């Protein structure tokens, strides 16, 4: 029973973390598709670098997400 509760708590924590990442993902998804399609398969750091490089072209929502995360 203890093991079951441990696994359930891990799943809940993981799903909570995913939910927290979703708003930023949603805010920048269109910008990534529009400006960074060529680097989408190169990993998160490549996409982030691309977004920063195209900062002046980003939507206000995506720019806010980057600013809120110290980028």
N, C-alpha and C. Protein backbone atom coordinates (compact mmCIF):
# COMPACT_ATOMS: atom_id res chain seq x y z
N UNK A 1 0.82 -1.19 0.00
CA UNK A 1 0.00 0.00 0.00
C UNK A 1 0.87 1.26 0.00
N UNK A 2 1.94 1.25 0.78
CA UNK A 2 2.83 2.40 0.84
C UNK A 2 3.47 2.66 -0.52
N UNK A 3 3.86 1.59 -1.17
CA UNK A 3 4.46 1.73 -2.50
C UNK A 3 3.44 2.32 -3.48
N UNK A 4 2.21 1.90 -3.42
CA UNK A 4 1.16 2.43 -4.29
C UNK A 4 0.99 3.93 -4.07
N UNK A 5 0.95 4.37 -2.81
CA UNK A 5 0.79 5.79 -2.50
C UNK A 5 2.00 6.59 -3.00
N UNK A 6 3.17 6.02 -2.89
CA UNK A 6 4.38 6.68 -3.38
C UNK A 6 4.31 6.89 -4.89
N UNK A 7 3.90 5.87 -5.61
CA UNK A 7 3.79 5.97 -7.06
C UNK A 7 2.72 6.98 -7.46
N UNK A 8 1.59 6.98 -6.78
CA UNK A 8 0.53 7.93 -7.07
C UNK A 8 1.02 9.36 -6.84
N UNK A 9 1.75 9.58 -5.75
CA UNK A 9 2.25 10.93 -5.49
C UNK A 9 3.25 11.37 -6.55
N UNK A 10 4.08 10.45 -7.05
CA UNK A 10 5.02 10.78 -8.13
C UNK A 10 4.27 11.17 -9.40
N UNK A 11 3.23 10.43 -9.71
CA UNK A 11 2.44 10.72 -10.91
C UNK A 11 1.76 12.08 -10.78
N UNK A 12 1.23 12.37 -9.61
CA UNK A 12 0.57 13.66 -9.40
C UNK A 12 1.57 14.81 -9.50
N UNK A 13 2.75 14.63 -8.96
CA UNK A 13 3.78 15.67 -9.06
C UNK A 13 4.18 15.88 -10.51
N UNK A 14 4.36 14.81 -11.24
CA UNK A 14 4.75 14.92 -12.64
C UNK A 14 3.67 15.60 -13.46
N UNK A 15 2.42 15.27 -13.21
CA UNK A 15 1.34 15.90 -13.96
C UNK A 15 1.20 17.36 -13.59
N UNK A 16 1.49 17.71 -12.33
CA UNK A 16 1.46 19.10 -11.91
C UNK A 16 2.55 19.90 -12.60
N UNK A 17 3.72 19.33 -12.74
CA UNK A 17 4.81 20.01 -13.42
C UNK A 17 4.47 20.24 -14.88
N UNK A 18 3.84 19.27 -15.51
CA UNK A 18 3.46 19.42 -16.91
C UNK A 18 2.43 20.53 -17.07
N UNK A 19 1.50 20.61 -16.14
CA UNK A 19 0.47 21.63 -16.20
C UNK A 19 1.09 23.02 -16.05
N UNK A 20 2.15 23.14 -15.25
CA UNK A 20 2.79 24.43 -15.07
C UNK A 20 3.55 24.85 -16.32
N UNK A 21 4.05 23.91 -17.09
CA UNK A 21 4.79 24.24 -18.29
C UNK A 21 3.85 24.58 -19.45
N UNK A 22 2.66 24.10 -19.42
CA UNK A 22 1.73 24.25 -20.53
C UNK A 22 1.43 25.69 -20.91
N UNK A 23 1.15 26.62 -19.96
CA UNK A 23 0.84 27.98 -20.38
C UNK A 23 1.96 28.62 -21.19
N UNK A 24 3.21 28.44 -20.80
CA UNK A 24 4.33 28.98 -21.56
C UNK A 24 4.43 28.36 -22.93
N UNK A 25 4.20 27.06 -22.95
CA UNK A 25 4.22 26.34 -24.23
C UNK A 25 3.14 26.89 -25.15
N UNK A 26 1.94 27.06 -24.63
CA UNK A 26 0.84 27.58 -25.43
C UNK A 26 1.12 28.99 -25.93
N UNK A 27 1.70 29.82 -25.07
CA UNK A 27 1.96 31.21 -25.43
C UNK A 27 2.98 31.33 -26.55
N UNK A 28 3.91 30.40 -26.63
CA UNK A 28 4.99 30.50 -27.63
C UNK A 28 4.87 29.51 -28.78
N UNK A 29 3.89 28.62 -28.73
CA UNK A 29 3.79 27.58 -29.77
C UNK A 29 3.70 28.17 -31.17
N UNK A 30 2.88 29.17 -31.34
CA UNK A 30 2.72 29.76 -32.68
C UNK A 30 4.01 30.47 -33.11
N UNK A 31 4.66 31.14 -32.16
CA UNK A 31 5.92 31.83 -32.48
C UNK A 31 7.01 30.84 -32.86
N UNK A 32 7.06 29.72 -32.16
CA UNK A 32 8.05 28.68 -32.50
C UNK A 32 7.79 28.16 -33.90
N UNK A 33 6.52 27.87 -34.19
CA UNK A 33 6.18 27.36 -35.53
C UNK A 33 6.49 28.39 -36.60
N UNK A 34 6.21 29.62 -36.32
CA UNK A 34 6.40 30.68 -37.31
C UNK A 34 7.87 31.04 -37.52
N UNK A 35 8.62 31.19 -36.44
CA UNK A 35 9.98 31.73 -36.55
C UNK A 35 11.10 30.70 -36.37
N UNK A 36 10.79 29.57 -35.76
CA UNK A 36 11.86 28.63 -35.38
C UNK A 36 11.62 27.20 -35.85
N UNK A 37 10.81 27.05 -36.86
CA UNK A 37 10.49 25.71 -37.37
C UNK A 37 11.74 24.92 -37.73
N UNK A 38 12.74 25.60 -38.28
CA UNK A 38 13.95 24.91 -38.74
C UNK A 38 14.75 24.27 -37.60
N UNK A 39 14.59 24.77 -36.38
CA UNK A 39 15.37 24.24 -35.26
C UNK A 39 14.53 23.47 -34.25
N UNK A 40 13.28 23.23 -34.56
CA UNK A 40 12.37 22.58 -33.62
C UNK A 40 12.88 21.21 -33.17
N UNK A 41 13.55 20.48 -34.02
CA UNK A 41 14.03 19.14 -33.68
C UNK A 41 15.42 19.14 -33.07
N UNK A 42 15.98 20.33 -32.84
CA UNK A 42 17.34 20.43 -32.30
C UNK A 42 17.37 20.60 -30.79
N UNK A 43 16.23 20.53 -30.14
CA UNK A 43 16.20 20.62 -28.68
C UNK A 43 15.73 21.97 -28.17
N UNK A 44 15.42 21.98 -26.88
CA UNK A 44 14.87 23.17 -26.24
C UNK A 44 15.83 24.36 -26.29
N UNK A 45 17.11 24.10 -26.09
CA UNK A 45 18.07 25.22 -26.07
C UNK A 45 18.15 25.90 -27.44
N UNK A 46 18.05 25.13 -28.50
CA UNK A 46 18.08 25.71 -29.85
C UNK A 46 16.83 26.54 -30.11
N UNK A 47 15.69 26.05 -29.64
CA UNK A 47 14.44 26.79 -29.82
C UNK A 47 14.48 28.07 -29.00
N UNK A 48 14.96 27.98 -27.77
CA UNK A 48 15.06 29.18 -26.93
C UNK A 48 15.99 30.21 -27.57
N UNK A 49 17.12 29.77 -28.08
CA UNK A 49 18.05 30.69 -28.75
C UNK A 49 17.39 31.34 -29.95
N UNK A 50 16.62 30.58 -30.69
CA UNK A 50 15.91 31.11 -31.86
C UNK A 50 14.87 32.14 -31.43
N UNK A 51 14.12 31.83 -30.38
CA UNK A 51 13.12 32.79 -29.90
C UNK A 51 13.79 34.10 -29.46
N UNK A 52 14.91 33.98 -28.78
CA UNK A 52 15.63 35.19 -28.34
C UNK A 52 16.13 35.98 -29.54
N UNK A 53 16.58 35.27 -30.55
CA UNK A 53 17.09 35.92 -31.76
C UNK A 53 15.97 36.66 -32.49
N UNK A 54 14.76 36.16 -32.37
CA UNK A 54 13.61 36.76 -33.05
C UNK A 54 12.73 37.55 -32.08
N UNK A 55 13.30 38.02 -31.01
CA UNK A 55 12.56 38.66 -29.91
C UNK A 55 11.62 39.76 -30.40
N UNK A 56 12.05 40.58 -31.33
CA UNK A 56 11.22 41.70 -31.78
C UNK A 56 10.00 41.25 -32.57
N UNK A 57 10.00 40.01 -33.05
CA UNK A 57 8.89 39.49 -33.86
C UNK A 57 7.90 38.66 -33.05
N UNK A 58 8.21 38.39 -31.78
CA UNK A 58 7.38 37.50 -30.97
C UNK A 58 6.09 38.17 -30.52
N UNK A 59 5.10 37.34 -30.27
CA UNK A 59 3.85 37.84 -29.70
C UNK A 59 4.12 38.38 -28.29
N UNK A 60 3.25 39.25 -27.83
CA UNK A 60 3.42 39.81 -26.49
C UNK A 60 3.38 38.73 -25.42
N UNK A 61 2.51 37.73 -25.61
CA UNK A 61 2.38 36.65 -24.62
C UNK A 61 3.66 35.83 -24.52
N UNK A 62 4.25 35.51 -25.64
CA UNK A 62 5.49 34.73 -25.63
C UNK A 62 6.64 35.56 -25.07
N UNK A 63 6.71 36.83 -25.44
CA UNK A 63 7.74 37.71 -24.91
C UNK A 63 7.62 37.79 -23.39
N UNK A 64 6.40 37.86 -22.88
CA UNK A 64 6.18 37.90 -21.43
C UNK A 64 6.65 36.62 -20.76
N UNK A 65 6.37 35.48 -21.37
CA UNK A 65 6.82 34.20 -20.80
C UNK A 65 8.34 34.17 -20.72
N UNK A 66 9.01 34.60 -21.76
CA UNK A 66 10.47 34.63 -21.75
C UNK A 66 10.98 35.58 -20.67
N UNK A 67 10.39 36.75 -20.58
CA UNK A 67 10.80 37.73 -19.57
C UNK A 67 10.56 37.19 -18.16
N UNK A 68 9.41 36.59 -17.95
CA UNK A 68 9.07 36.03 -16.62
C UNK A 68 10.04 34.92 -16.20
N UNK A 69 10.66 34.27 -17.19
CA UNK A 69 11.62 33.20 -16.89
C UNK A 69 13.06 33.66 -16.99
N UNK A 70 13.27 34.95 -16.97
CA UNK A 70 14.62 35.50 -16.95
C UNK A 70 15.36 35.40 -18.26
N UNK A 71 14.65 35.33 -19.34
CA UNK A 71 15.28 35.24 -20.65
C UNK A 71 15.15 36.56 -21.33
